[in-house]
């Protein structure tokens, strides 16, 4: 998904903030470099639009990774 698609969905639904999530079927929930770049890009754009990115979750089975819990937002 592209950032514009994330914001389009949020704006069309009058969202006050954004939380995104995606899965890693491998079971390994630590973010990849691509995940980090995408999250940083979304964060920068969300700040510009005054539409806060509250968290980005990576999920797999019973495990998850939260950027907010790791203070990476």
N, C-alpha and C. Protein backbone atom coordinates (compact mmCIF):
# COMPACT_ATOMS: atom_id res chain seq x y z
N UNK A 1 0.85 -1.18 0.00
CA UNK A 1 0.00 0.00 0.00
C UNK A 1 0.89 1.23 0.00
N UNK A 2 0.47 2.21 -0.74
CA UNK A 2 1.18 3.47 -0.84
C UNK A 2 0.65 4.45 0.21
N UNK A 3 1.50 5.39 0.66
CA UNK A 3 1.02 6.37 1.64
C UNK A 3 -0.25 7.10 1.21
N UNK A 4 -0.36 7.43 -0.07
CA UNK A 4 -1.55 8.16 -0.52
C UNK A 4 -2.81 7.34 -0.30
N UNK A 5 -2.71 6.01 -0.42
CA UNK A 5 -3.87 5.14 -0.18
C UNK A 5 -4.24 5.13 1.30
N UNK A 6 -3.24 5.13 2.17
CA UNK A 6 -3.50 5.17 3.61
C UNK A 6 -4.24 6.47 3.96
N UNK A 7 -3.73 7.58 3.46
CA UNK A 7 -4.34 8.88 3.77
C UNK A 7 -5.70 9.04 3.10
N UNK A 8 -5.87 8.51 1.92
CA UNK A 8 -7.16 8.59 1.25
C UNK A 8 -8.23 7.90 2.10
N UNK A 9 -7.93 6.70 2.57
CA UNK A 9 -8.88 5.96 3.41
C UNK A 9 -9.17 6.75 4.69
N UNK A 10 -8.12 7.27 5.31
CA UNK A 10 -8.29 8.02 6.56
C UNK A 10 -9.13 9.27 6.35
N UNK A 11 -8.84 10.02 5.31
CA UNK A 11 -9.56 11.27 5.06
C UNK A 11 -11.01 11.03 4.66
N UNK A 12 -11.24 10.01 3.83
CA UNK A 12 -12.62 9.71 3.42
C UNK A 12 -13.48 9.25 4.60
N UNK A 13 -12.83 8.75 5.65
CA UNK A 13 -13.56 8.28 6.83
C UNK A 13 -13.47 9.25 7.99
N UNK A 14 -13.02 10.49 7.72
CA UNK A 14 -12.92 11.54 8.74
C UNK A 14 -12.13 11.11 9.97
N UNK A 15 -11.05 10.37 9.74
CA UNK A 15 -10.22 9.88 10.84
C UNK A 15 -9.52 11.04 11.55
N UNK A 16 -9.37 10.90 12.86
CA UNK A 16 -8.64 11.89 13.66
C UNK A 16 -7.19 11.48 13.84
N UNK A 17 -6.89 10.20 13.61
CA UNK A 17 -5.53 9.68 13.70
C UNK A 17 -5.48 8.35 12.94
N UNK A 18 -4.27 7.80 12.83
CA UNK A 18 -4.07 6.59 12.04
C UNK A 18 -3.29 5.55 12.86
N UNK A 19 -3.71 4.30 12.75
CA UNK A 19 -2.96 3.15 13.23
C UNK A 19 -2.91 2.18 12.06
N UNK A 20 -1.71 1.74 11.70
CA UNK A 20 -1.61 0.79 10.60
C UNK A 20 -1.05 -0.53 11.12
N UNK A 21 -1.32 -1.59 10.37
CA UNK A 21 -0.81 -2.91 10.73
C UNK A 21 -0.58 -3.72 9.47
N UNK A 22 0.35 -4.62 9.56
CA UNK A 22 0.54 -5.61 8.50
C UNK A 22 1.13 -6.87 9.12
N UNK A 23 1.09 -7.96 8.37
CA UNK A 23 1.57 -9.22 8.93
C UNK A 23 2.89 -9.65 8.30
N UNK A 24 3.62 -10.44 9.06
CA UNK A 24 4.82 -11.12 8.60
C UNK A 24 4.54 -12.62 8.75
N UNK A 25 4.15 -13.29 7.69
CA UNK A 25 3.81 -14.72 7.77
C UNK A 25 4.98 -15.59 8.25
N UNK A 26 6.19 -15.08 8.16
CA UNK A 26 7.36 -15.86 8.58
C UNK A 26 7.39 -16.11 10.08
N UNK A 27 6.64 -15.31 10.86
CA UNK A 27 6.67 -15.42 12.31
C UNK A 27 7.68 -14.48 12.94
N UNK A 28 8.51 -13.85 12.13
CA UNK A 28 9.54 -12.92 12.60
C UNK A 28 8.95 -11.51 12.57
N UNK A 29 8.70 -10.94 13.74
CA UNK A 29 7.97 -9.67 13.79
C UNK A 29 8.84 -8.41 13.83
N UNK A 30 10.15 -8.56 13.94
CA UNK A 30 10.98 -7.35 13.94
C UNK A 30 10.88 -6.67 12.58
N UNK A 31 10.81 -5.34 12.56
CA UNK A 31 10.62 -4.61 11.30
C UNK A 31 11.83 -4.73 10.39
N UNK A 32 11.54 -4.79 9.10
CA UNK A 32 12.59 -4.79 8.09
C UNK A 32 12.99 -3.34 7.81
N UNK A 33 14.03 -3.17 7.04
CA UNK A 33 14.45 -1.83 6.65
C UNK A 33 13.34 -1.16 5.82
N UNK A 34 12.68 -1.94 5.00
CA UNK A 34 11.55 -1.42 4.21
C UNK A 34 10.42 -0.98 5.11
N UNK A 35 10.10 -1.77 6.14
CA UNK A 35 9.07 -1.39 7.11
C UNK A 35 9.43 -0.06 7.77
N UNK A 36 10.68 0.07 8.17
CA UNK A 36 11.13 1.30 8.84
C UNK A 36 11.03 2.52 7.92
N UNK A 37 11.44 2.37 6.67
CA UNK A 37 11.38 3.49 5.73
C UNK A 37 9.93 3.90 5.47
N UNK A 38 9.05 2.91 5.30
CA UNK A 38 7.64 3.20 5.06
C UNK A 38 7.03 3.92 6.26
N UNK A 39 7.34 3.45 7.46
CA UNK A 39 6.81 4.06 8.69
C UNK A 39 7.32 5.48 8.85
N UNK A 40 8.59 5.70 8.58
CA UNK A 40 9.15 7.06 8.68
C UNK A 40 8.49 7.99 7.68
N UNK A 41 8.24 7.49 6.48
CA UNK A 41 7.58 8.30 5.45
C UNK A 41 6.15 8.65 5.86
N UNK A 42 5.42 7.65 6.37
CA UNK A 42 4.05 7.91 6.85
C UNK A 42 4.05 8.90 8.00
N UNK A 43 5.00 8.75 8.91
CA UNK A 43 5.08 9.64 10.07
C UNK A 43 5.31 11.08 9.62
N UNK A 44 6.23 11.27 8.70
CA UNK A 44 6.53 12.62 8.20
C UNK A 44 5.30 13.23 7.53
N UNK A 45 4.63 12.46 6.69
CA UNK A 45 3.44 12.95 6.01
C UNK A 45 2.29 13.20 6.98
N UNK A 46 2.13 12.31 7.96
CA UNK A 46 1.04 12.49 8.93
C UNK A 46 1.25 13.75 9.76
N UNK A 47 2.49 14.04 10.09
CA UNK A 47 2.78 15.28 10.82
C UNK A 47 2.43 16.50 9.98
N UNK A 48 2.75 16.45 8.69
CA UNK A 48 2.46 17.57 7.79
C UNK A 48 0.95 17.78 7.65
N UNK A 49 0.19 16.70 7.70
CA UNK A 49 -1.26 16.78 7.50
C UNK A 49 -2.02 16.95 8.81
N UNK A 50 -1.31 16.97 9.94
CA UNK A 50 -1.94 17.06 11.26
C UNK A 50 -2.93 15.92 11.46
N UNK A 51 -2.52 14.73 11.02
CA UNK A 51 -3.30 13.51 11.16
C UNK A 51 -2.36 12.48 11.78
N UNK A 52 -2.27 12.45 13.12
CA UNK A 52 -1.23 11.68 13.80
C UNK A 52 -1.21 10.19 13.48
N UNK A 53 -0.01 9.69 13.24
CA UNK A 53 0.21 8.25 13.13
C UNK A 53 0.47 7.75 14.55
N UNK A 54 -0.50 7.05 15.12
CA UNK A 54 -0.42 6.62 16.52
C UNK A 54 0.42 5.37 16.71
N UNK A 55 0.37 4.45 15.73
CA UNK A 55 1.15 3.22 15.86
C UNK A 55 1.20 2.50 14.53
N UNK A 56 2.18 1.64 14.42
CA UNK A 56 2.32 0.71 13.30
C UNK A 56 2.62 -0.64 13.94
N UNK A 57 1.72 -1.58 13.75
CA UNK A 57 1.88 -2.92 14.30
C UNK A 57 2.32 -3.89 13.21
N UNK A 58 3.24 -4.77 13.55
CA UNK A 58 3.58 -5.91 12.72
C UNK A 58 3.14 -7.13 13.51
N UNK A 59 2.32 -7.96 12.91
CA UNK A 59 1.76 -9.12 13.62
C UNK A 59 2.14 -10.42 12.93
N UNK A 60 2.23 -11.45 13.75
CA UNK A 60 2.48 -12.80 13.24
C UNK A 60 2.12 -13.79 14.32
N UNK A 61 1.07 -14.58 14.06
CA UNK A 61 0.65 -15.56 15.06
C UNK A 61 0.32 -14.89 16.38
N UNK A 62 0.99 -15.32 17.43
CA UNK A 62 0.73 -14.76 18.75
C UNK A 62 1.66 -13.60 19.11
N UNK A 63 2.53 -13.20 18.20
CA UNK A 63 3.49 -12.15 18.49
C UNK A 63 3.18 -10.89 17.69
N UNK A 64 3.66 -9.77 18.21
CA UNK A 64 3.49 -8.51 17.50
C UNK A 64 4.66 -7.59 17.83
N UNK A 65 4.82 -6.58 17.01
CA UNK A 65 5.80 -5.53 17.24
C UNK A 65 5.06 -4.21 17.10
N UNK A 66 5.24 -3.32 18.05
CA UNK A 66 4.60 -2.01 18.04
C UNK A 66 5.68 -0.94 17.98
N UNK A 67 5.63 -0.11 16.94
CA UNK A 67 6.57 1.00 16.86
C UNK A 67 6.38 1.96 18.03
N UNK A 68 5.15 2.19 18.45
CA UNK A 68 4.90 3.10 19.56
C UNK A 68 5.48 2.56 20.87
N UNK A 69 5.30 1.26 21.12
CA UNK A 69 5.84 0.67 22.34
C UNK A 69 7.36 0.73 22.37
N UNK A 70 7.98 0.71 21.20
CA UNK A 70 9.44 0.80 21.11
C UNK A 70 9.91 2.25 20.91
N UNK A 71 8.96 3.18 21.09
CA UNK A 71 9.24 4.62 21.00
C UNK A 71 9.94 4.99 19.70
N UNK A 72 9.42 4.44 18.60
CA UNK A 72 10.01 4.69 17.28
C UNK A 72 9.10 5.54 16.40
N UNK A 73 8.14 6.23 17.02
CA UNK A 73 7.27 7.13 16.26
C UNK A 73 7.45 8.54 16.76
